[in-house]
Amino acid sequence: MKVNSFLLALIFGLTPLMWAQEPQAPRPGGSQARGEHREPMTEIHQQEMEAMKADIQNMKSALAQMKANLFTIKDVNEFARWRNNVDLWETLVGHMERMQKRMESLGTGTAHRLGSPPSPSQTQQKPE
């Protein structure tokens, strides 16, 4: 009886996995749906880029204020702690700027990962 129960559980447990492995038929009008999907994604990308630019500017402003306040600290240990903090934030802001520039250079190229084929300009490799 235990073997029958085990086989029954195994069959019911593996059936959904087998269905998930079957290839899916393409949806009718798939390329049109991708085109319709690309426009909102482009808008979202632009909004995210603007938000990132604003965040970077705010961080640069706060970092400049931290640097200005740094030299008012008299205690050597406290000065070293804040100097390390400033260095860390400079690294982070620099990284965010590089990421922002990289994302701008990709532009709407990220849409090809969502299903649409890349444009010819996106397939050409740029020297770095």
Protein backbone atom coordinates (compact mmCIF):
# COMPACT_ATOMS: atom_id res chain seq x y z
CA MET A 1 0.00 0.00 0.00
CA LYS A 2 2.88 2.37 0.78
CA VAL A 3 4.36 1.88 -2.69
CA ASN A 4 1.03 2.75 -4.33
CA SER A 5 0.72 5.89 -2.22
CA PHE A 6 4.29 6.87 -3.07
CA LEU A 7 3.74 6.35 -6.81
CA LEU A 8 0.50 8.32 -6.72
CA ALA A 9 2.18 11.21 -4.89
CA LEU A 10 5.09 11.08 -7.31
CA ILE A 11 2.79 11.25 -10.33
CA PHE A 12 0.83 14.20 -8.96
CA GLY A 13 4.04 15.94 -7.88
CA LEU A 14 5.87 15.58 -11.19
CA THR A 15 2.97 16.29 -13.55
CA PRO A 16 3.07 20.10 -13.11
CA LEU A 17 6.83 20.01 -13.61
CA MET A 18 6.42 18.11 -16.86
CA TRP A 19 3.87 20.64 -18.12
CA ALA A 20 6.24 23.49 -17.28
CA GLN A 21 8.93 21.85 -19.44
CA GLU A 22 6.77 21.75 -22.59
CA PRO A 23 7.58 24.44 -25.17
CA GLN A 24 5.06 27.24 -25.28
CA ALA A 25 3.42 28.18 -28.56
CA PRO A 26 4.04 31.78 -29.62
CA ARG A 27 1.19 34.14 -28.97
CA PRO A 28 -0.61 35.54 -31.99
CA GLY A 29 0.38 39.13 -32.62
CA GLY A 30 3.48 38.77 -30.47
CA SER A 31 5.58 41.36 -32.29
CA GLN A 32 2.76 43.89 -32.02
CA ALA A 33 2.45 43.19 -28.30
CA ARG A 34 6.22 43.71 -27.93
CA GLY A 35 5.98 47.05 -29.72
CA GLU A 36 3.15 48.14 -27.47
CA HIS A 37 5.16 46.99 -24.44
CA ARG A 38 8.30 48.85 -25.54
CA GLU A 39 6.75 52.33 -25.35
CA PRO A 40 5.79 52.17 -21.64
CA MET A 41 9.17 50.60 -20.87
CA THR A 42 10.92 53.49 -22.61
CA GLU A 43 8.91 55.96 -20.54
CA ILE A 44 9.72 54.07 -17.36
CA HIS A 45 13.41 54.01 -18.33
CA GLN A 46 13.38 57.78 -18.87
CA GLN A 47 11.65 58.37 -15.54
CA GLU A 48 14.13 56.14 -13.74
CA MET A 49 17.05 57.95 -15.40
CA GLU A 50 15.70 61.34 -14.31
CA ALA A 51 15.21 60.05 -10.77
CA MET A 52 18.75 58.68 -10.72
CA LYS A 53 20.16 61.99 -11.96
CA ALA A 54 18.28 63.84 -9.21
CA ASP A 55 19.52 61.38 -6.58
CA ILE A 56 23.10 61.79 -7.76
CA GLN A 57 22.84 65.57 -7.61
CA ASN A 58 21.42 65.41 -4.07
CA MET A 59 24.20 63.06 -3.02
CA LYS A 60 26.85 65.33 -4.54
CA SER A 61 25.42 68.28 -2.65
CA ALA A 62 25.41 66.38 0.65
CA LEU A 63 28.94 65.14 -0.06
CA ALA A 64 30.18 68.69 -0.70
CA GLN A 65 28.65 69.76 2.62
CA MET A 66 30.34 66.83 4.38
CA LYS A 67 33.69 67.82 2.86
CA ALA A 68 33.24 71.43 3.97
CA ASN A 69 32.40 70.35 7.53
CA LEU A 70 35.26 67.87 7.62
CA PHE A 71 37.90 70.50 8.35
CA THR A 72 36.00 71.90 11.33
CA ILE A 73 36.61 68.66 13.26
CA LYS A 74 39.44 69.06 15.78
CA ASP A 75 39.64 65.55 17.24
CA VAL A 76 42.08 63.43 15.19
CA ASN A 77 40.12 60.19 15.61
CA GLU A 78 36.82 61.85 14.73
CA PHE A 79 38.45 63.52 11.71
CA ALA A 80 39.78 60.15 10.49
CA ARG A 81 36.35 58.57 10.92
CA TRP A 82 34.65 61.31 8.93
CA ARG A 83 37.40 61.28 6.28
CA ASN A 84 36.75 57.56 5.75
CA ASN A 85 33.03 58.28 5.56
CA VAL A 86 33.61 60.95 2.90
CA ASP A 87 35.85 58.59 0.93
CA LEU A 88 33.18 55.90 1.02
CA TRP A 89 30.49 58.29 -0.20
CA GLU A 90 32.76 59.61 -2.97
CA THR A 91 33.24 56.05 -4.17
CA LEU A 92 29.52 55.38 -4.11
CA VAL A 93 28.63 58.59 -5.96
CA GLY A 94 31.31 57.86 -8.56
CA HIS A 95 29.90 54.38 -9.05
CA MET A 96 26.38 55.74 -9.43
CA GLU A 97 27.57 58.27 -12.01
CA ARG A 98 29.26 55.52 -14.03
CA MET A 99 26.13 53.38 -13.87
CA GLN A 100 23.97 56.32 -14.90
CA LYS A 101 26.22 57.03 -17.90
CA ARG A 102 26.20 53.35 -18.84
CA MET A 103 22.42 53.23 -18.64
CA GLU A 104 22.17 56.39 -20.75
CA SER A 105 24.48 54.89 -23.36
CA LEU A 106 22.22 51.84 -23.49
CA GLY A 107 19.22 54.12 -23.86
CA THR A 108 16.18 52.12 -24.79
CA GLY A 109 18.45 49.21 -25.67
CA THR A 110 17.26 47.47 -22.55
CA ALA A 111 13.95 46.88 -24.33
CA HIS A 112 15.54 44.19 -26.52
CA ARG A 113 16.01 42.06 -23.43
CA LEU A 114 12.26 42.20 -22.97
CA GLY A 115 11.54 40.44 -26.23
CA SER A 116 12.14 42.79 -29.13
CA PRO A 117 15.18 42.25 -31.36
CA PRO A 118 18.05 44.72 -30.93
CA SER A 119 18.55 47.43 -33.50
CA PRO A 120 21.67 47.19 -35.70
CA SER A 121 23.35 49.99 -33.70
CA GLN A 122 22.85 47.99 -30.50
CA THR A 123 24.50 44.88 -31.91
CA GLN A 124 27.72 46.68 -32.82
CA GLN A 125 30.38 46.47 -30.13
CA LYS A 126 31.77 49.75 -28.83
CA PRO A 127 35.43 49.84 -27.78
CA GLU A 128 35.86 50.61 -24.10
